Amino acid sequence: MNTVKPPRWPSGDCCAVLASKLTMDELHRRQPLQLFRAQDDLDWFTGALLDAPSLGPLLLMRHDGNPDGLTTFYVDALCDVKAAQAFVMDLFCLRDGEIAWALALR
């Protein structure tokens, strides 16, 4: 694994749109990811950063200390939540049982 620069969010902030029970390795088998290790104000995490043509930056984070062991998907705070969730679900072929939570539509 290697390190990457944090994403530059067009709006200046990000928003978690959904979380999955799948591990990074399981997600990587569905869609090739360049994984990295980093630390934020919460904990160490394994992450992946994609540039989604329709959304901009898409950040995946799985914190080491997350008691539920979830992988969270972040997009720019001004992205359309429903479109972002649909994109992530389609890209990783996520089924309803693999989603731990999804942000309510605004």
PDB file of N, CA and C in Angstrom:
ATOM      1  N   MET A   1       0.841  -1.176   0.000  1.00  0.00           N
ATOM      2  CA  MET A   1       0.000   0.000   0.000  1.00  0.00           C
ATOM      3  C   MET A   1       0.886   1.239   0.000  1.00  0.00           C
ATOM      4  N   ASN A   2       0.337   2.294  -0.519  1.00  0.00           N
ATOM      5  CA  ASN A   2       1.092   3.537  -0.565  1.00  0.00           C
ATOM      6  C   ASN A   2       0.247   4.687  -0.034  1.00  0.00           C
ATOM      7  N   THR A   3       0.835   5.851   0.015  1.00  0.00           N
ATOM      8  CA  THR A   3       0.103   7.007   0.506  1.00  0.00           C
ATOM      9  C   THR A   3      -0.326   7.876  -0.663  1.00  0.00           C
ATOM     10  N   VAL A   4      -1.392   8.607  -0.471  1.00  0.00           N
ATOM     11  CA  VAL A   4      -1.906   9.516  -1.498  1.00  0.00           C
ATOM     12  C   VAL A   4      -2.258  10.838  -0.830  1.00  0.00           C
ATOM     13  N   LYS A   5      -2.329  11.870  -1.626  1.00  0.00           N
ATOM     14  CA  LYS A   5      -2.764  13.158  -1.101  1.00  0.00           C
ATOM     15  C   LYS A   5      -4.254  13.091  -0.803  1.00  0.00           C
ATOM     16  N   PRO A   6      -4.716  13.773   0.238  1.00  0.00           N
ATOM     17  CA  PRO A   6      -6.152  13.794   0.512  1.00  0.00           C
ATOM     18  C   PRO A   6      -6.905  14.408  -0.667  1.00  0.00           C
ATOM     19  N   PRO A   7      -8.133  13.987  -0.867  1.00  0.00           N
ATOM     20  CA  PRO A   7      -8.889  14.552  -1.989  1.00  0.00           C
ATOM     21  C   PRO A   7      -9.139  16.043  -1.805  1.00  0.00           C
ATOM     22  N   ARG A   8      -9.238  16.720  -2.915  1.00  0.00           N
ATOM     23  CA  ARG A   8      -9.611  18.139  -2.895  1.00  0.00           C
ATOM     24  C   ARG A   8     -11.095  18.199  -3.247  1.00  0.00           C
ATOM     25  N   TRP A   9     -11.896  18.478  -2.246  1.00  0.00           N
ATOM     26  CA  TRP A   9     -13.343  18.517  -2.448  1.00  0.00           C
ATOM     27  C   TRP A   9     -13.713  19.842  -3.104  1.00  0.00           C
ATOM     28  N   PRO A  10     -14.399  19.801  -4.256  1.00  0.00           N
ATOM     29  CA  PRO A  10     -14.764  21.046  -4.954  1.00  0.00           C
ATOM     30  C   PRO A  10     -15.494  22.057  -4.071  1.00  0.00           C
ATOM     31  N   SER A  11     -16.378  21.569  -3.195  1.00  0.00           N
ATOM     32  CA  SER A  11     -17.135  22.480  -2.320  1.00  0.00           C
ATOM     33  C   SER A  11     -16.360  22.850  -1.065  1.00  0.00           C
ATOM     34  N   GLY A  12     -15.260  22.147  -0.818  1.00  0.00           N
ATOM     35  CA  GLY A  12     -14.488  22.365   0.397  1.00  0.00           C
ATOM     36  C   GLY A  12     -14.799  21.380   1.500  1.00  0.00           C
ATOM     37  N   ASP A  13     -15.784  20.507   1.294  1.00  0.00           N
ATOM     38  CA  ASP A  13     -16.161  19.537   2.319  1.00  0.00           C
ATOM     39  C   ASP A  13     -16.683  18.271   1.658  1.00  0.00           C
ATOM     40  N   CYS A  14     -16.754  17.192   2.456  1.00  0.00           N
ATOM     41  CA  CYS A  14     -17.255  15.915   1.940  1.00  0.00           C
ATOM     42  C   CYS A  14     -18.459  15.467   2.750  1.00  0.00           C
ATOM     43  N   CYS A  15     -19.087  14.406   2.268  1.00  0.00           N
ATOM     44  CA  CYS A  15     -20.294  13.868   2.886  1.00  0.00           C
ATOM     45  C   CYS A  15     -20.273  12.346   2.744  1.00  0.00           C
ATOM     46  N   ALA A  16     -20.504  11.645   3.840  1.00  0.00           N
ATOM     47  CA  ALA A  16     -20.612  10.183   3.790  1.00  0.00           C
ATOM     48  C   ALA A  16     -22.001   9.831   3.270  1.00  0.00           C
ATOM     49  N   VAL A  17     -22.052   9.089   2.157  1.00  0.00           N
ATOM     50  CA  VAL A  17     -23.353   8.789   1.555  1.00  0.00           C
ATOM     51  C   VAL A  17     -23.846   7.378   1.849  1.00  0.00           C
ATOM     52  N   LEU A  18     -22.921   6.450   2.101  1.00  0.00           N
ATOM     53  CA  LEU A  18     -23.336   5.126   2.531  1.00  0.00           C
ATOM     54  C   LEU A  18     -22.155   4.375   3.094  1.00  0.00           C
ATOM     55  N   ALA A  19     -22.448   3.280   3.782  1.00  0.00           N
ATOM     56  CA  ALA A  19     -21.414   2.414   4.340  1.00  0.00           C
ATOM     57  C   ALA A  19     -21.773   0.971   4.029  1.00  0.00           C
ATOM     58  N   SER A  20     -20.739   0.175   3.832  1.00  0.00           N
ATOM     59  CA  SER A  20     -20.928  -1.221   3.478  1.00  0.00           C
ATOM     60  C   SER A  20     -20.249  -2.130   4.491  1.00  0.00           C
ATOM     61  N   LYS A  21     -20.781  -3.321   4.615  1.00  0.00           N
ATOM     62  CA  LYS A  21     -20.185  -4.334   5.469  1.00  0.00           C
ATOM     63  C   LYS A  21     -18.985  -4.993   4.788  1.00  0.00           C
ATOM     64  N   LEU A  22     -18.820  -4.753   3.485  1.00  0.00           N
ATOM     65  CA  LEU A  22     -17.735  -5.392   2.742  1.00  0.00           C
ATOM     66  C   LEU A  22     -16.385  -4.791   3.122  1.00  0.00           C
ATOM     67  N   THR A  23     -15.362  -5.640   3.133  1.00  0.00           N
ATOM     68  CA  THR A  23     -14.005  -5.183   3.411  1.00  0.00           C
ATOM     69  C   THR A  23     -13.418  -4.546   2.153  1.00  0.00           C
ATOM     70  N   MET A  24     -12.295  -3.877   2.322  1.00  0.00           N
ATOM     71  CA  MET A  24     -11.601  -3.283   1.171  1.00  0.00           C
ATOM     72  C   MET A  24     -11.183  -4.371   0.182  1.00  0.00           C
ATOM     73  N   ASP A  25     -10.735  -5.510   0.696  1.00  0.00           N
ATOM     74  CA  ASP A  25     -10.343  -6.604  -0.198  1.00  0.00           C
ATOM     75  C   ASP A  25     -11.527  -7.088  -1.023  1.00  0.00           C
ATOM     76  N   GLU A  26     -12.696  -7.209  -0.401  1.00  0.00           N
ATOM     77  CA  GLU A  26     -13.896  -7.634  -1.140  1.00  0.00           C
ATOM     78  C   GLU A  26     -14.286  -6.599  -2.187  1.00  0.00           C
ATOM     79  N   LEU A  27     -14.202  -5.322  -1.830  1.00  0.00           N
ATOM     80  CA  LEU A  27     -14.518  -4.263  -2.792  1.00  0.00           C
ATOM     81  C   LEU A  27     -13.499  -4.235  -3.920  1.00  0.00           C
ATOM     82  N   HIS A  28     -12.228  -4.479  -3.589  1.00  0.00           N
ATOM     83  CA  HIS A  28     -11.158  -4.500  -4.592  1.00  0.00           C
ATOM     84  C   HIS A  28     -11.371  -5.629  -5.609  1.00  0.00           C
ATOM     85  N   ARG A  29     -11.926  -6.741  -5.158  1.00  0.00           N
ATOM     86  CA  ARG A  29     -12.220  -7.841  -6.093  1.00  0.00           C
ATOM     87  C   ARG A  29     -13.329  -7.460  -7.071  1.00  0.00           C
ATOM     88  N   ARG A  30     -14.200  -6.569  -6.682  1.00  0.00           N
ATOM     89  CA  ARG A  30     -15.296  -6.133  -7.552  1.00  0.00           C
ATOM     90  C   ARG A  30     -14.894  -4.973  -8.462  1.00  0.00           C
ATOM     91  N   GLN A  31     -13.984  -4.128  -7.974  1.00  0.00           N
ATOM     92  CA  GLN A  31     -13.521  -2.967  -8.730  1.00  0.00           C
ATOM     93  C   GLN A  31     -12.079  -2.695  -8.300  1.00  0.00           C
ATOM     94  N   PRO A  32     -11.124  -2.789  -9.224  1.00  0.00           N
ATOM     95  CA  PRO A  32      -9.727  -2.580  -8.827  1.00  0.00           C
ATOM     96  C   PRO A  32      -9.533  -1.227  -8.121  1.00  0.00           C
ATOM     97  N   LEU A  33      -8.867  -1.285  -6.979  1.00  0.00           N
ATOM     98  CA  LEU A  33      -8.624  -0.102  -6.157  1.00  0.00           C
ATOM     99  C   LEU A  33      -7.144  -0.005  -5.836  1.00  0.00           C
ATOM    100  N   GLN A  34      -6.634   1.194  -5.745  1.00  0.00           N
ATOM    101  CA  GLN A  34      -5.291   1.421  -5.246  1.00  0.00           C
ATOM    102  C   GLN A  34      -5.439   1.800  -3.775  1.00  0.00           C
ATOM    103  N   LEU A  35      -5.132   0.845  -2.906  1.00  0.00           N
ATOM    104  CA  LEU A  35      -5.334   1.041  -1.477  1.00  0.00           C
ATOM    105  C   LEU A  35      -4.165   1.801  -0.859  1.00  0.00           C
ATOM    106  N   PHE A  36      -4.455   2.553   0.185  1.00  0.00           N
ATOM    107  CA  PHE A  36      -3.427   3.266   0.929  1.00  0.00           C
ATOM    108  C   PHE A  36      -3.763   3.233   2.413  1.00  0.00           C
ATOM    109  N   ARG A  37      -2.747   3.513   3.232  1.00  0.00           N
ATOM    110  CA  ARG A  37      -2.923   3.612   4.681  1.00  0.00           C
ATOM    111  C   ARG A  37      -2.682   5.061   5.083  1.00  0.00           C
ATOM    112  N   ALA A  38      -3.497   5.548   5.984  1.00  0.00           N
ATOM    113  CA  ALA A  38      -3.346   6.918   6.464  1.00  0.00           C
ATOM    114  C   ALA A  38      -3.990   7.014   7.846  1.00  0.00           C
ATOM    115  N   GLN A  39      -3.807   8.171   8.454  1.00  0.00           N
ATOM    116  CA  GLN A  39      -4.379   8.423   9.767  1.00  0.00           C
ATOM    117  C   GLN A  39      -5.098   9.768   9.731  1.00  0.00           C
ATOM    118  N   ASP A  40      -6.309   9.790  10.280  1.00  0.00           N
ATOM    119  CA  ASP A  40      -7.031  11.055  10.416  1.00  0.00           C
ATOM    120  C   ASP A  40      -7.234  11.321  11.902  1.00  0.00           C
ATOM    121  N   ASP A  41      -8.131  12.237  12.239  1.00  0.00           N
ATOM    122  CA  ASP A  41      -8.325  12.584  13.645  1.00  0.00           C
ATOM    123  C   ASP A  41      -9.023  11.490  14.449  1.00  0.00           C
ATOM    124  N   LEU A  42      -9.539  10.461  13.767  1.00  0.00           N
ATOM    125  CA  LEU A  42     -10.200   9.362  14.465  1.00  0.00           C
ATOM    126  C   LEU A  42      -9.276   8.186  14.728  1.00  0.00           C
ATOM    127  N   ASP A  43      -8.539   7.751  13.682  1.00  0.00           N
ATOM    128  CA  ASP A  43      -7.822   6.486  13.780  1.00  0.00           C
ATOM    129  C   ASP A  43      -7.029   6.261  12.489  1.00  0.00           C
ATOM    130  N   TRP A  44      -6.261   5.209  12.471  1.00  0.00           N
ATOM    131  CA  TRP A  44      -5.660   4.744  11.230  1.00  0.00           C
ATOM    132  C   TRP A  44      -6.750   4.111  10.376  1.00  0.00           C
ATOM    133  N   PHE A  45      -6.605   4.228   9.068  1.00  0.00           N
ATOM    134  CA  PHE A  45      -7.595   3.634   8.175  1.00  0.00           C
ATOM    135  C   PHE A  45      -6.934   3.142   6.899  1.00  0.00           C
ATOM    136  N   THR A  46      -7.625   2.233   6.239  1.00  0.00           N
ATOM    137  CA  THR A  46      -7.278   1.828   4.884  1.00  0.00           C
ATOM    138  C   THR A  46      -8.232   2.573   3.978  1.00  0.00           C
ATOM    139  N   GLY A  47      -7.694   3.166   2.928  1.00  0.00           N
ATOM    140  CA  GLY A  47      -8.528   3.969   2.046  1.00  0.00           C
ATOM    141  C   GLY A  47      -8.265   3.698   0.582  1.00  0.00           C
ATOM    142  N   ALA A  48      -9.125   4.239  -0.230  1.00  0.00           N
ATOM    143  CA  ALA A  48      -8.965   4.218  -1.683  1.00  0.00           C
ATOM    144  C   ALA A  48      -9.618   5.486  -2.209  1.00  0.00           C
ATOM    145  N   LEU A  49      -9.024   6.051  -3.234  1.00  0.00           N
ATOM    146  CA  LEU A  49      -9.537   7.282  -3.819  1.00  0.00           C
ATOM    147  C   LEU A  49      -9.731   7.071  -5.309  1.00  0.00           C
ATOM    148  N   LEU A  50     -10.944   7.333  -5.760  1.00  0.00           N
ATOM    149  CA  LEU A  50     -11.276   7.217  -7.181  1.00  0.00           C
ATOM    150  C   LEU A  50     -11.731   8.571  -7.689  1.00  0.00           C
ATOM    151  N   ASP A  51     -11.530   8.792  -8.970  1.00  0.00           N
ATOM    152  CA  ASP A  51     -12.065   9.988  -9.607  1.00  0.00           C
ATOM    153  C   ASP A  51     -13.261   9.545 -10.439  1.00  0.00           C
ATOM    154  N   ALA A  52     -14.444   9.789  -9.923  1.00  0.00           N
ATOM    155  CA  ALA A  52     -15.675   9.377 -10.598  1.00  0.00           C
ATOM    156  C   ALA A  52     -16.089  10.485 -11.558  1.00  0.00           C
ATOM    157  N   PRO A  53     -16.134  10.204 -12.855  1.00  0.00           N
ATOM    158  CA  PRO A  53     -16.432  11.251 -13.840  1.00  0.00           C
ATOM    159  C   PRO A  53     -17.699  12.057 -13.532  1.00  0.00           C
ATOM    160  N   SER A  54     -18.728  11.417 -13.039  1.00  0.00           N
ATOM    161  CA  SER A  54     -19.983  12.126 -12.798  1.00  0.00           C
ATOM    162  C   SER A  54     -20.063  12.764 -11.411  1.00  0.00           C
ATOM    163  N   LEU A  55     -19.151  12.373 -10.491  1.00  0.00           N
ATOM    164  CA  LEU A  55     -19.225  12.847  -9.106  1.00  0.00           C
ATOM    165  C   LEU A  55     -18.017  13.650  -8.653  1.00  0.00           C
ATOM    166  N   GLY A  56     -16.880  13.398  -9.237  1.00  0.00           N
ATOM    167  CA  GLY A  56     -15.631  13.952  -8.728  1.00  0.00           C
ATOM    168  C   GLY A  56     -14.981  12.942  -7.805  1.00  0.00           C
ATOM    169  N   PRO A  57     -14.287  13.395  -6.771  1.00  0.00           N
ATOM    170  CA  PRO A  57     -13.595  12.456  -5.884  1.00  0.00           C
ATOM    171  C   PRO A  57     -14.572  11.530  -5.156  1.00  0.00           C
ATOM    172  N   LEU A  58     -14.191  10.257  -5.070  1.00  0.00           N
ATOM    173  CA  LEU A  58     -14.927   9.261  -4.299  1.00  0.00           C
ATOM    174  C   LEU A  58     -13.908   8.617  -3.369  1.00  0.00           C
ATOM    175  N   LEU A  59     -14.083   8.815  -2.064  1.00  0.00           N
ATOM    176  CA  LEU A  59     -13.154   8.314  -1.067  1.00  0.00           C
ATOM    177  C   LEU A  59     -13.794   7.174  -0.294  1.00  0.00           C
ATOM    178  N   LEU A  60     -13.085   6.059  -0.200  1.00  0.00           N
ATOM    179  CA  LEU A  60     -13.502   4.922   0.609  1.00  0.00           C
ATOM    180  C   LEU A  60     -12.598   4.877   1.822  1.00  0.00           C
ATOM    181  N   MET A  61     -13.180   4.697   3.007  1.00  0.00           N
ATOM    182  CA  MET A  61     -12.400   4.638   4.245  1.00  0.00           C
ATOM    183  C   MET A  61     -12.923   3.514   5.134  1.00  0.00           C
ATOM    184  N   ARG A  62     -11.975   2.725   5.655  1.00  0.00           N
ATOM    185  CA  ARG A  62     -12.307   1.683   6.633  1.00  0.00           C
ATOM    186  C   ARG A  62     -11.362   1.879   7.818  1.00  0.00           C
ATOM    187  N   HIS A  63     -11.887   2.486   8.887  1.00  0.00           N
ATOM    188  CA  HIS A  63     -11.086   2.765  10.084  1.00  0.00           C
ATOM    189  C   HIS A  63     -10.793   1.476  10.855  1.00  0.00           C
ATOM    190  N   ASP A  64      -9.558   1.362  11.319  1.00  0.00           N
ATOM    191  CA  ASP A  64      -9.131   0.166  12.055  1.00  0.00           C
ATOM    192  C   ASP A  64      -9.981  -0.063  13.306  1.00  0.00           C
ATOM    193  N   GLY A  65     -10.325   1.012  14.000  1.00  0.00           N
ATOM    194  CA  GLY A  65     -11.042   0.881  15.264  1.00  0.00           C
ATOM    195  C   GLY A  65     -12.554   0.906  15.156  1.00  0.00           C
ATOM    196  N   ASN A  66     -13.095   0.884  13.938  1.00  0.00           N
ATOM    197  CA  ASN A  66     -14.553   0.913  13.776  1.00  0.00           C
ATOM    198  C   ASN A  66     -15.135  -0.382  14.340  1.00  0.00           C
ATOM    199  N   PRO A  67     -15.929  -0.298  15.403  1.00  0.00           N
ATOM    200  CA  PRO A  67     -16.440  -1.524  16.027  1.00  0.00           C
ATOM    201  C   PRO A  67     -17.336  -2.342  15.093  1.00  0.00           C
ATOM    202  N   ASP A  68     -17.953  -1.692  14.110  1.00  0.00           N
ATOM    203  CA  ASP A  68     -18.808  -2.414  13.177  1.00  0.00           C
ATOM    204  C   ASP A  68     -18.043  -2.874  11.938  1.00  0.00           C
ATOM    205  N   GLY A  69     -16.791  -2.441  11.798  1.00  0.00           N
ATOM    206  CA  GLY A  69     -15.973  -2.862  10.665  1.00  0.00           C
ATOM    207  C   GLY A  69     -16.529  -2.425   9.316  1.00  0.00           C
ATOM    208  N   LEU A  70     -17.048  -1.203   9.232  1.00  0.00           N
ATOM    209  CA  LEU A  70     -17.695  -0.736   8.005  1.00  0.00           C
ATOM    210  C   LEU A  70     -16.734   0.031   7.113  1.00  0.00           C
ATOM    211  N   THR A  71     -16.993  -0.020   5.811  1.00  0.00           N
ATOM    212  CA  THR A  71     -16.308   0.813   4.831  1.00  0.00           C
ATOM    213  C   THR A  71     -17.276   1.919   4.445  1.00  0.00           C
ATOM    214  N   THR A  72     -16.833   3.167   4.581  1.00  0.00           N
ATOM    215  CA  THR A  72     -17.686   4.318   4.312  1.00  0.00           C
ATOM    216  C   THR A  72     -17.263   4.981   3.011  1.00  0.00           C
ATOM    217  N   PHE A  73     -18.253   5.425   2.240  1.00  0.00           N
ATOM    218  CA  PHE A  73     -18.037   6.074   0.947  1.00  0.00           C
ATOM    219  C   PHE A  73     -18.357   7.560   1.082  1.00  0.00           C
ATOM    220  N   TYR A  74     -17.389   8.407   0.691  1.00  0.00           N
ATOM    221  CA  TYR A  74     -17.522   9.860   0.791  1.00  0.00           C
ATOM    222  C   TYR A  74     -17.475  10.495  -0.597  1.00  0.00           C
ATOM    223  N   VAL A  75     -18.310  11.504  -0.795  1.00  0.00           N
ATOM    224  CA  VAL A  75     -18.300  12.302  -2.022  1.00  0.00           C
ATOM    225  C   VAL A  75     -18.325  13.774  -1.614  1.00  0.00           C
ATOM    226  N   ASP A  76     -18.198  14.651  -2.590  1.00  0.00           N
ATOM    227  CA  ASP A  76     -18.279  16.086  -2.309  1.00  0.00           C
ATOM    228  C   ASP A  76     -19.626  16.406  -1.666  1.00  0.00           C
ATOM    229  N   ALA A  77     -19.608  17.325  -0.710  1.00  0.00           N
ATOM    230  CA  ALA A  77     -20.821  17.668   0.041  1.00  0.00           C
ATOM    231  C   ALA A  77     -21.950  18.205  -0.826  1.00  0.00           C
ATOM    232  N   LEU A  78     -21.638  18.749  -1.995  1.00  0.00           N
ATOM    233  CA  LEU A  78     -22.690  19.292  -2.859  1.00  0.00           C
ATOM    234  C   LEU A  78     -23.195  18.288  -3.904  1.00  0.00           C
ATOM    235  N   CYS A  79     -22.668  17.068  -3.881  1.00  0.00           N
ATOM    236  CA  CYS A  79     -23.135  16.048  -4.831  1.00  0.00           C
ATOM    237  C   CYS A  79     -24.572  15.646  -4.514  1.00  0.00           C
ATOM    238  N   ASP A  80     -25.270  15.225  -5.538  1.00  0.00           N
ATOM    239  CA  ASP A  80     -26.605  14.681  -5.373  1.00  0.00           C
ATOM    240  C   ASP A  80     -26.487  13.328  -4.663  1.00  0.00           C
ATOM    241  N   VAL A  81     -27.072  13.218  -3.484  1.00  0.00           N
ATOM    242  CA  VAL A  81     -26.932  12.013  -2.657  1.00  0.00           C
ATOM    243  C   VAL A  81     -27.454  10.780  -3.383  1.00  0.00           C
ATOM    244  N   LYS A  82     -28.627  10.873  -3.957  1.00  0.00           N
ATOM    245  CA  LYS A  82     -29.220   9.712  -4.634  1.00  0.00           C
ATOM    246  C   LYS A  82     -28.335   9.254  -5.801  1.00  0.00           C
ATOM    247  N   ALA A  83     -27.817  10.190  -6.583  1.00  0.00           N
ATOM    248  CA  ALA A  83     -26.948   9.845  -7.704  1.00  0.00           C
ATOM    249  C   ALA A  83     -25.651   9.217  -7.212  1.00  0.00           C
ATOM    250  N   ALA A  84     -25.093   9.750  -6.128  1.00  0.00           N
ATOM    251  CA  ALA A  84     -23.855   9.198  -5.576  1.00  0.00           C
ATOM    252  C   ALA A  84     -24.069   7.779  -5.061  1.00  0.00           C
ATOM    253  N   GLN A  85     -25.168   7.555  -4.358  1.00  0.00           N
ATOM    254  CA  GLN A  85     -25.453   6.218  -3.846  1.00  0.00           C
ATOM    255  C   GLN A  85     -25.655   5.232  -4.995  1.00  0.00           C
ATOM    256  N   ALA A  86     -26.382   5.646  -6.013  1.00  0.00           N
ATOM    257  CA  ALA A  86     -26.607   4.771  -7.168  1.00  0.00           C
ATOM    258  C   ALA A  86     -25.296   4.446  -7.866  1.00  0.00           C
ATOM    259  N   PHE A  87     -24.416   5.441  -8.004  1.00  0.00           N
ATOM    260  CA  PHE A  87     -23.119   5.233  -8.647  1.00  0.00           C
ATOM    261  C   PHE A  87     -22.296   4.205  -7.870  1.00  0.00           C
ATOM    262  N   VAL A  88     -22.201   4.383  -6.557  1.00  0.00           N
ATOM    263  CA  VAL A  88     -21.423   3.472  -5.718  1.00  0.00           C
ATOM    264  C   VAL A  88     -22.007   2.068  -5.764  1.00  0.00           C
ATOM    265  N   MET A  89     -23.306   1.953  -5.639  1.00  0.00           N
ATOM    266  CA  MET A  89     -23.947   0.637  -5.654  1.00  0.00           C
ATOM    267  C   MET A  89     -23.723  -0.073  -6.986  1.00  0.00           C
ATOM    268  N   ASP A  90     -23.784   0.674  -8.074  1.00  0.00           N
ATOM    269  CA  ASP A  90     -23.560   0.093  -9.397  1.00  0.00           C
ATOM    270  C   ASP A  90     -22.094  -0.273  -9.594  1.00  0.00           C
ATOM    271  N   LEU A  91     -21.183   0.620  -9.236  1.00  0.00           N
ATOM    272  CA  LEU A  91     -19.754   0.399  -9.429  1.00  0.00           C
ATOM    273  C   LEU A  91     -19.263  -0.838  -8.691  1.00  0.00           C
ATOM    274  N   PHE A  92     -19.751  -1.037  -7.472  1.00  0.00           N
ATOM    275  CA  PHE A  92     -19.294  -2.156  -6.653  1.00  0.00           C
ATOM    276  C   PHE A  92     -20.313  -3.297  -6.598  1.00  0.00           C
ATOM    277  N   CYS A  93     -21.349  -3.228  -7.409  1.00  0.00           N
ATOM    278  CA  CYS A  93     -22.385  -4.279  -7.462  1.00  0.00           C
ATOM    279  C   CYS A  93     -22.901  -4.612  -6.061  1.00  0.00           C
ATOM    280  N   LEU A  94     -23.211  -3.569  -5.291  1.00  0.00           N
ATOM    281  CA  LEU A  94     -23.679  -3.769  -3.917  1.00  0.00           C
ATOM    282  C   LEU A  94     -25.145  -4.169  -3.901  1.00  0.00           C
ATOM    283  N   ARG A  95     -25.440  -5.155  -3.091  1.00  0.00           N
ATOM    284  CA  ARG A  95     -26.821  -5.584  -2.879  1.00  0.00           C
ATOM    285  C   ARG A  95     -27.294  -5.001  -1.545  1.00  0.00           C
ATOM    286  N   ASP A  96     -28.604  -4.959  -1.356  1.00  0.00           N
ATOM    287  CA  ASP A  96     -29.174  -4.347  -0.148  1.00  0.00           C
ATOM    288  C   ASP A  96     -28.570  -4.911   1.134  1.00  0.00           C
ATOM    289  N   GLY A  97     -28.347  -6.212   1.206  1.00  0.00           N
ATOM    290  CA  GLY A  97     -27.804  -6.836   2.415  1.00  0.00           C
ATOM    291  C   GLY A  97     -26.361  -6.466   2.702  1.00  0.00           C
ATOM    292  N   GLU A  98     -25.679  -5.853   1.735  1.00  0.00           N
ATOM    293  CA  GLU A  98     -24.283  -5.462   1.910  1.00  0.00           C
ATOM    294  C   GLU A  98     -24.144  -4.002   2.326  1.00  0.00           C
ATOM    295  N   ILE A  99     -25.257  -3.315   2.428  1.00  0.00           N
ATOM    296  CA  ILE A  99     -25.242  -1.909   2.821  1.00  0.00           C
ATOM    297  C   ILE A  99     -25.655  -1.809   4.285  1.00  0.00           C
ATOM    298  N   ALA A 100     -24.781  -1.221   5.094  1.00  0.00           N
ATOM    299  CA  ALA A 100     -25.061  -1.082   6.520  1.00  0.00           C
ATOM    300  C   ALA A 100     -25.962   0.115   6.785  1.00  0.00           C
ATOM    301  N   TRP A 101     -25.703   1.219   6.097  1.00  0.00           N
ATOM    302  CA  TRP A 101     -26.550   2.400   6.211  1.00  0.00           C
ATOM    303  C   TRP A 101     -26.345   3.280   4.987  1.00  0.00           C
ATOM    304  N   ALA A 102     -27.360   4.074   4.724  1.00  0.00           N
ATOM    305  CA  ALA A 102     -27.305   5.045   3.625  1.00  0.00           C
ATOM    306  C   ALA A 102     -27.872   6.359   4.133  1.00  0.00           C
ATOM    307  N   LEU A 103     -27.208   7.453   3.742  1.00  0.00           N
ATOM    308  CA  LEU A 103     -27.682   8.775   4.120  1.00  0.00           C
ATOM    309  C   LEU A 103     -29.072   9.005   3.540  1.00  0.00           C
ATOM    310  N   ALA A 104     -29.973   9.506   4.354  1.00  0.00           N
ATOM    311  CA  ALA A 104     -31.317   9.818   3.868  1.00  0.00           C
ATOM    312  C   ALA A 104     -31.223  10.908   2.817  1.00  0.00           C
ATOM    313  N   LEU A 105     -32.061  10.808   1.819  1.00  0.00           N
ATOM    314  CA  LEU A 105     -32.066  11.800   0.744  1.00  0.00           C
ATOM    315  C   LEU A 105     -32.458  13.155   1.287  1.00  0.00           C
ATOM    316  N   ARG A 106     -31.786  14.189   0.761  1.00  0.00           N
ATOM    317  CA  ARG A 106     -32.109  15.540   1.218  1.00  0.00           C
ATOM    318  C   ARG A 106     -32.857  16.279   0.148  1.00  0.00           C
TER     319      ARG A 106
END
